[in-house]
Amino acid sequence: MTHEKSIPLNVHELGVILSALQLLSHRDENLIAREYGSVSTLHNRLKEVYDNMDQSTVYLNYDCEPSF
């Protein structure tokens, strides 16, 4: 079993993840940090990738459906 995987994400999917990370409460950030590491470090790494992606070519074709 590996501890790292590559997952292709488009710019919109990455944007959703970045938005979710920004909306975490302070309590949730602390809980995640204890288990997995710094949320802000992950956010910064993903933001760097996001900023270097072409944000004009991916067509958003998702219906708004409740998650979970």
N, C-alpha and C. Protein backbone atom coordinates (compact mmCIF):
# COMPACT_ATOMS: atom_id res chain seq x y z
N MET A 1 0.85 -1.18 0.00
CA MET A 1 0.00 0.00 0.00
C MET A 1 0.89 1.24 0.00
N THR A 2 0.54 2.23 -0.84
CA THR A 2 1.32 3.45 -0.93
C THR A 2 0.75 4.53 -0.02
N HIS A 3 1.57 5.51 0.26
CA HIS A 3 1.11 6.63 1.09
C HIS A 3 0.89 7.89 0.26
N GLU A 4 1.03 7.79 -1.07
CA GLU A 4 0.85 8.95 -1.93
C GLU A 4 0.25 8.52 -3.26
N LYS A 5 -0.70 9.28 -3.77
CA LYS A 5 -1.36 9.02 -5.05
C LYS A 5 -1.45 10.33 -5.83
N SER A 6 -1.48 10.21 -7.13
CA SER A 6 -1.73 11.35 -8.01
C SER A 6 -3.16 11.25 -8.51
N ILE A 7 -3.89 12.33 -8.37
CA ILE A 7 -5.29 12.36 -8.80
C ILE A 7 -5.47 13.55 -9.73
N PRO A 8 -5.87 13.33 -10.96
CA PRO A 8 -6.09 14.46 -11.86
C PRO A 8 -7.34 15.24 -11.44
N LEU A 9 -7.17 16.53 -11.20
CA LEU A 9 -8.28 17.40 -10.85
C LEU A 9 -8.31 18.56 -11.83
N ASN A 10 -9.51 18.97 -12.23
CA ASN A 10 -9.58 20.16 -13.07
C ASN A 10 -9.62 21.40 -12.18
N VAL A 11 -9.54 22.56 -12.81
CA VAL A 11 -9.43 23.81 -12.07
C VAL A 11 -10.65 24.05 -11.17
N HIS A 12 -11.81 23.63 -11.60
CA HIS A 12 -13.02 23.84 -10.80
C HIS A 12 -13.04 22.93 -9.57
N GLU A 13 -12.63 21.70 -9.74
CA GLU A 13 -12.57 20.77 -8.61
C GLU A 13 -11.57 21.26 -7.57
N LEU A 14 -10.43 21.75 -8.05
CA LEU A 14 -9.43 22.27 -7.13
C LEU A 14 -9.95 23.53 -6.43
N GLY A 15 -10.72 24.33 -7.14
CA GLY A 15 -11.33 25.52 -6.53
C GLY A 15 -12.29 25.16 -5.41
N VAL A 16 -13.03 24.08 -5.58
CA VAL A 16 -13.96 23.62 -4.54
C VAL A 16 -13.18 23.22 -3.28
N ILE A 17 -12.10 22.49 -3.47
CA ILE A 17 -11.28 22.07 -2.34
C ILE A 17 -10.69 23.28 -1.62
N LEU A 18 -10.19 24.25 -2.38
CA LEU A 18 -9.62 25.45 -1.78
C LEU A 18 -10.68 26.22 -1.00
N SER A 19 -11.86 26.34 -1.56
CA SER A 19 -12.96 27.03 -0.87
C SER A 19 -13.33 26.33 0.43
N ALA A 20 -13.39 25.01 0.39
CA ALA A 20 -13.73 24.24 1.59
C ALA A 20 -12.67 24.43 2.67
N LEU A 21 -11.41 24.45 2.28
CA LEU A 21 -10.33 24.66 3.26
C LEU A 21 -10.44 26.04 3.89
N GLN A 22 -10.84 27.04 3.12
CA GLN A 22 -10.97 28.39 3.65
C GLN A 22 -12.14 28.52 4.61
N LEU A 23 -13.14 27.67 4.46
CA LEU A 23 -14.34 27.77 5.29
C LEU A 23 -14.29 26.96 6.58
N LEU A 24 -13.19 26.25 6.80
CA LEU A 24 -13.07 25.47 8.03
C LEU A 24 -13.06 26.37 9.26
N SER A 25 -13.70 25.91 10.30
CA SER A 25 -13.65 26.64 11.56
C SER A 25 -12.28 26.43 12.21
N HIS A 26 -11.94 27.30 13.13
CA HIS A 26 -10.66 27.18 13.84
C HIS A 26 -10.57 25.82 14.54
N ARG A 27 -11.66 25.38 15.11
CA ARG A 27 -11.70 24.08 15.79
C ARG A 27 -11.40 22.94 14.82
N ASP A 28 -12.04 22.99 13.65
CA ASP A 28 -11.81 21.94 12.66
C ASP A 28 -10.37 21.95 12.15
N GLU A 29 -9.82 23.16 11.95
CA GLU A 29 -8.41 23.26 11.54
C GLU A 29 -7.49 22.58 12.55
N ASN A 30 -7.76 22.81 13.82
CA ASN A 30 -6.93 22.20 14.86
C ASN A 30 -7.07 20.68 14.89
N LEU A 31 -8.28 20.19 14.72
CA LEU A 31 -8.50 18.74 14.70
C LEU A 31 -7.78 18.11 13.51
N ILE A 32 -7.88 18.73 12.36
CA ILE A 32 -7.20 18.21 11.17
C ILE A 32 -5.70 18.27 11.34
N ALA A 33 -5.21 19.36 11.89
CA ALA A 33 -3.76 19.52 12.08
C ALA A 33 -3.19 18.43 12.98
N ARG A 34 -3.92 18.06 14.01
CA ARG A 34 -3.44 17.00 14.92
C ARG A 34 -3.35 15.65 14.22
N GLU A 35 -4.26 15.40 13.32
CA GLU A 35 -4.31 14.10 12.65
C GLU A 35 -3.47 14.03 11.37
N TYR A 36 -3.49 15.13 10.59
CA TYR A 36 -2.90 15.07 9.25
C TYR A 36 -1.85 16.13 8.94
N GLY A 37 -1.82 17.21 9.68
CA GLY A 37 -0.89 18.29 9.39
C GLY A 37 -1.62 19.59 9.13
N SER A 38 -0.85 20.62 8.86
CA SER A 38 -1.35 21.98 8.73
C SER A 38 -2.27 22.16 7.53
N VAL A 39 -3.45 22.71 7.80
CA VAL A 39 -4.40 23.03 6.74
C VAL A 39 -3.86 24.17 5.88
N SER A 40 -3.25 25.17 6.51
CA SER A 40 -2.75 26.30 5.74
C SER A 40 -1.62 25.89 4.80
N THR A 41 -0.79 24.94 5.20
CA THR A 41 0.26 24.45 4.31
C THR A 41 -0.34 23.74 3.11
N LEU A 42 -1.35 22.90 3.34
CA LEU A 42 -2.03 22.22 2.24
C LEU A 42 -2.69 23.24 1.32
N HIS A 43 -3.38 24.22 1.91
CA HIS A 43 -4.05 25.25 1.12
C HIS A 43 -3.05 25.99 0.24
N ASN A 44 -1.92 26.37 0.81
CA ASN A 44 -0.91 27.11 0.05
C ASN A 44 -0.34 26.29 -1.10
N ARG A 45 -0.11 25.00 -0.86
CA ARG A 45 0.39 24.13 -1.93
C ARG A 45 -0.63 24.00 -3.05
N LEU A 46 -1.88 23.79 -2.69
CA LEU A 46 -2.93 23.65 -3.70
C LEU A 46 -3.19 24.97 -4.43
N LYS A 47 -3.11 26.08 -3.71
CA LYS A 47 -3.32 27.41 -4.31
C LYS A 47 -2.25 27.70 -5.35
N GLU A 48 -1.03 27.30 -5.07
CA GLU A 48 0.06 27.49 -6.03
C GLU A 48 -0.21 26.73 -7.33
N VAL A 49 -0.69 25.49 -7.19
CA VAL A 49 -1.05 24.70 -8.37
C VAL A 49 -2.21 25.36 -9.10
N TYR A 50 -3.23 25.77 -8.35
CA TYR A 50 -4.43 26.40 -8.92
C TYR A 50 -4.07 27.67 -9.69
N ASP A 51 -3.21 28.49 -9.12
CA ASP A 51 -2.82 29.75 -9.76
C ASP A 51 -2.07 29.53 -11.07
N ASN A 52 -1.44 28.38 -11.23
CA ASN A 52 -0.70 28.08 -12.44
C ASN A 52 -1.53 27.30 -13.47
N MET A 53 -2.80 27.06 -13.17
CA MET A 53 -3.67 26.35 -14.10
C MET A 53 -4.39 27.35 -14.99
N ASP A 54 -4.74 26.90 -16.19
CA ASP A 54 -5.52 27.72 -17.12
C ASP A 54 -6.96 27.70 -16.63
N GLN A 55 -7.42 28.83 -16.11
CA GLN A 55 -8.75 28.89 -15.52
C GLN A 55 -9.82 29.31 -16.53
N SER A 56 -9.45 29.42 -17.80
CA SER A 56 -10.41 29.86 -18.80
C SER A 56 -10.91 28.74 -19.71
N THR A 57 -10.30 27.57 -19.68
CA THR A 57 -10.62 26.55 -20.69
C THR A 57 -11.52 25.44 -20.19
N VAL A 58 -11.72 25.32 -18.92
CA VAL A 58 -12.53 24.21 -18.40
C VAL A 58 -13.97 24.67 -18.25
N TYR A 59 -14.85 23.98 -18.94
CA TYR A 59 -16.28 24.30 -18.87
C TYR A 59 -16.89 23.67 -17.63
N LEU A 60 -17.55 24.48 -16.84
CA LEU A 60 -18.20 23.98 -15.63
C LEU A 60 -19.55 23.41 -15.99
N ASN A 61 -19.70 22.10 -15.82
CA ASN A 61 -20.93 21.41 -16.20
C ASN A 61 -21.42 20.56 -15.04
N TYR A 62 -21.59 21.18 -13.88
CA TYR A 62 -22.06 20.46 -12.71
C TYR A 62 -23.40 21.04 -12.28
N ASP A 63 -24.33 20.17 -11.94
CA ASP A 63 -25.58 20.62 -11.34
C ASP A 63 -25.31 20.85 -9.87
N CYS A 64 -26.03 21.77 -9.29
CA CYS A 64 -25.89 22.01 -7.86
C CYS A 64 -26.71 20.97 -7.12
N GLU A 65 -26.05 20.02 -6.54
CA GLU A 65 -26.71 18.98 -5.79
C GLU A 65 -26.18 18.99 -4.37
N PRO A 66 -27.04 18.75 -3.40
CA PRO A 66 -26.55 18.68 -2.04
C PRO A 66 -25.52 17.57 -1.91
N SER A 67 -24.48 17.84 -1.15
CA SER A 67 -23.46 16.79 -0.96
C SER A 67 -23.72 16.05 0.34
N PHE A 68 -23.27 14.87 0.37
CA PHE A 68 -23.39 13.99 1.54
C PHE A 68 -24.83 13.81 1.88
